């Protein structure tokens, strides 16, 4: 008989929170947590508070919404990077996330279930040993 818990329990919840390194190209890697994690949601909620009236009345500009999302993602979804010309910092992450193609890449990685498969945790452990 099929054990549905073993069959479908393939996502590592620790990786969703702690993040996983994903290679993009030319040695550039990003460390990304799951998109809808509690740190991201809490940070976004805090950033949106001054705009509650505008949000309720649907008058907040798309530009402001995008900027708040970038600020919330920096350090909560996009956790780090290595192999680039700019060292990682929260400020650098916000600026990078304002570039639409980079933003889309990080969202895609952070929403892809395969990014957080348990087998990736084993790879992370092996890399730490080396």
Protein backbone atom coordinates (compact mmCIF):
# COMPACT_ATOMS: atom_id res chain seq x y z
CA UNK A 1 0.00 0.00 0.00
CA UNK A 2 1.07 3.52 -0.68
CA UNK A 3 2.17 5.52 2.32
CA UNK A 4 0.97 8.99 1.32
CA UNK A 5 3.04 10.65 4.04
CA UNK A 6 6.27 9.19 2.68
CA UNK A 7 5.20 9.68 -0.92
CA UNK A 8 4.30 13.36 -0.62
CA UNK A 9 6.42 14.55 2.31
CA UNK A 10 9.26 15.65 0.04
CA UNK A 11 9.59 19.29 1.00
CA UNK A 12 11.96 20.11 3.83
CA UNK A 13 10.33 22.71 6.05
CA UNK A 14 13.71 23.72 7.49
CA UNK A 15 14.96 24.57 4.01
CA UNK A 16 11.86 26.69 3.42
CA UNK A 17 12.87 28.81 6.42
CA UNK A 18 16.67 28.66 6.36
CA UNK A 19 17.03 28.84 2.60
CA UNK A 20 19.02 26.92 0.04
CA UNK A 21 21.84 27.91 -2.29
CA UNK A 22 20.88 27.89 -5.96
CA UNK A 23 23.39 28.44 -8.75
CA UNK A 24 22.29 30.87 -11.43
CA UNK A 25 25.24 31.07 -13.85
CA UNK A 26 28.92 31.92 -14.10
CA UNK A 27 29.46 31.01 -10.44
CA UNK A 28 26.78 33.40 -9.17
CA UNK A 29 24.60 31.79 -6.50
CA UNK A 30 21.68 33.03 -4.45
CA UNK A 31 20.45 31.75 -1.10
CA UNK A 32 16.68 31.77 -1.16
CA UNK A 33 14.01 30.87 1.40
CA UNK A 34 10.44 29.90 0.55
CA UNK A 35 8.45 32.86 -0.74
CA UNK A 36 5.53 32.79 1.64
CA UNK A 37 7.52 32.41 4.87
CA UNK A 38 6.50 34.04 8.14
CA UNK A 39 9.48 36.44 8.27
CA UNK A 40 8.58 37.79 4.84
CA UNK A 41 4.89 38.09 5.70
CA UNK A 42 5.63 39.86 9.00
CA UNK A 43 8.10 42.28 7.41
CA UNK A 44 5.69 43.07 4.56
CA UNK A 45 2.87 43.68 7.04
CA UNK A 46 5.04 46.12 9.02
CA UNK A 47 6.10 47.95 5.88
CA UNK A 48 2.49 48.23 4.69
CA UNK A 49 1.08 49.67 7.94
CA UNK A 50 1.67 53.34 7.04
CA UNK A 51 -0.28 52.72 3.82
CA UNK A 52 -3.33 50.95 5.29
CA UNK A 53 -5.76 53.67 4.28
CA UNK A 54 -4.50 53.66 0.69
CA UNK A 55 -4.50 49.86 0.56
CA UNK A 56 -8.11 49.68 1.81
CA UNK A 57 -9.17 52.23 -0.79
CA UNK A 58 -7.09 50.69 -3.57
CA UNK A 59 -5.19 53.94 -4.17
CA UNK A 60 -1.65 52.77 -3.43
CA UNK A 61 0.49 52.97 -6.57
CA UNK A 62 1.88 49.82 -8.18
CA UNK A 63 5.36 51.32 -7.84
CA UNK A 64 4.97 51.63 -4.06
CA UNK A 65 3.57 48.10 -3.77
CA UNK A 66 6.52 46.73 -5.75
CA UNK A 67 9.00 48.72 -3.65
CA UNK A 68 7.48 47.45 -0.38
CA UNK A 69 7.63 43.90 -1.71
CA UNK A 70 11.32 44.29 -2.63
CA UNK A 71 12.10 45.68 0.82
CA UNK A 72 10.23 42.81 2.48
CA UNK A 73 11.95 40.14 0.35
CA UNK A 74 15.46 41.41 1.10
CA UNK A 75 16.74 39.34 4.01
CA UNK A 76 13.64 37.17 4.30
CA UNK A 77 13.33 35.52 0.88
CA UNK A 78 16.60 36.61 -0.70
CA UNK A 79 18.99 35.71 2.11
CA UNK A 80 22.41 36.01 0.52
CA UNK A 81 24.41 35.75 -2.68
CA UNK A 82 27.96 34.93 -3.63
CA UNK A 83 30.05 35.07 -6.76
CA UNK A 84 28.89 38.50 -7.88
CA UNK A 85 30.67 41.82 -8.17
CA UNK A 86 28.64 43.40 -5.35
CA UNK A 87 28.81 42.01 -1.80
CA UNK A 88 25.47 41.02 -0.31
CA UNK A 89 23.74 43.45 2.01
CA UNK A 90 20.08 44.19 2.64
CA UNK A 91 20.45 47.50 0.80
CA UNK A 92 22.11 45.83 -2.20
CA UNK A 93 19.41 43.14 -2.18
CA UNK A 94 16.64 45.75 -2.29
CA UNK A 95 18.33 47.48 -5.23
CA UNK A 96 18.84 44.18 -7.06
CA UNK A 97 15.22 43.15 -6.47
CA UNK A 98 14.09 46.40 -8.09
CA UNK A 99 15.47 45.03 -11.37
CA UNK A 100 12.42 43.22 -12.83
CA UNK A 101 14.31 40.26 -14.31
CA UNK A 102 16.19 39.58 -11.05
CA UNK A 103 12.98 40.00 -9.03
CA UNK A 104 11.23 37.44 -11.27
CA UNK A 105 14.14 35.02 -10.92
CA UNK A 106 14.07 35.16 -7.11
CA UNK A 107 10.28 34.80 -6.98
CA UNK A 108 10.45 31.83 -9.36
CA UNK A 109 13.14 30.07 -7.33
CA UNK A 110 11.45 30.77 -4.00
CA UNK A 111 8.08 29.45 -5.19
CA UNK A 112 9.42 26.30 -6.89
CA UNK A 113 8.79 23.28 -4.69
CA UNK A 114 11.78 21.45 -6.15
CA UNK A 115 14.07 24.08 -4.63
CA UNK A 116 13.20 22.79 -1.18
CA UNK A 117 13.11 19.02 -1.71
CA UNK A 118 14.59 17.05 1.15
CA UNK A 119 17.28 15.70 -1.17
CA UNK A 120 18.67 19.24 -1.37
CA UNK A 121 19.21 19.21 2.38
CA UNK A 122 21.49 16.21 1.97
CA UNK A 123 23.47 18.09 -0.71
CA UNK A 124 23.80 21.09 1.62
CA UNK A 125 25.16 18.84 4.39
CA UNK A 126 27.71 17.30 2.01
CA UNK A 127 28.88 20.75 0.85
CA UNK A 128 29.42 21.82 4.45
CA UNK A 129 31.67 18.80 5.04
CA UNK A 130 33.91 19.70 2.07
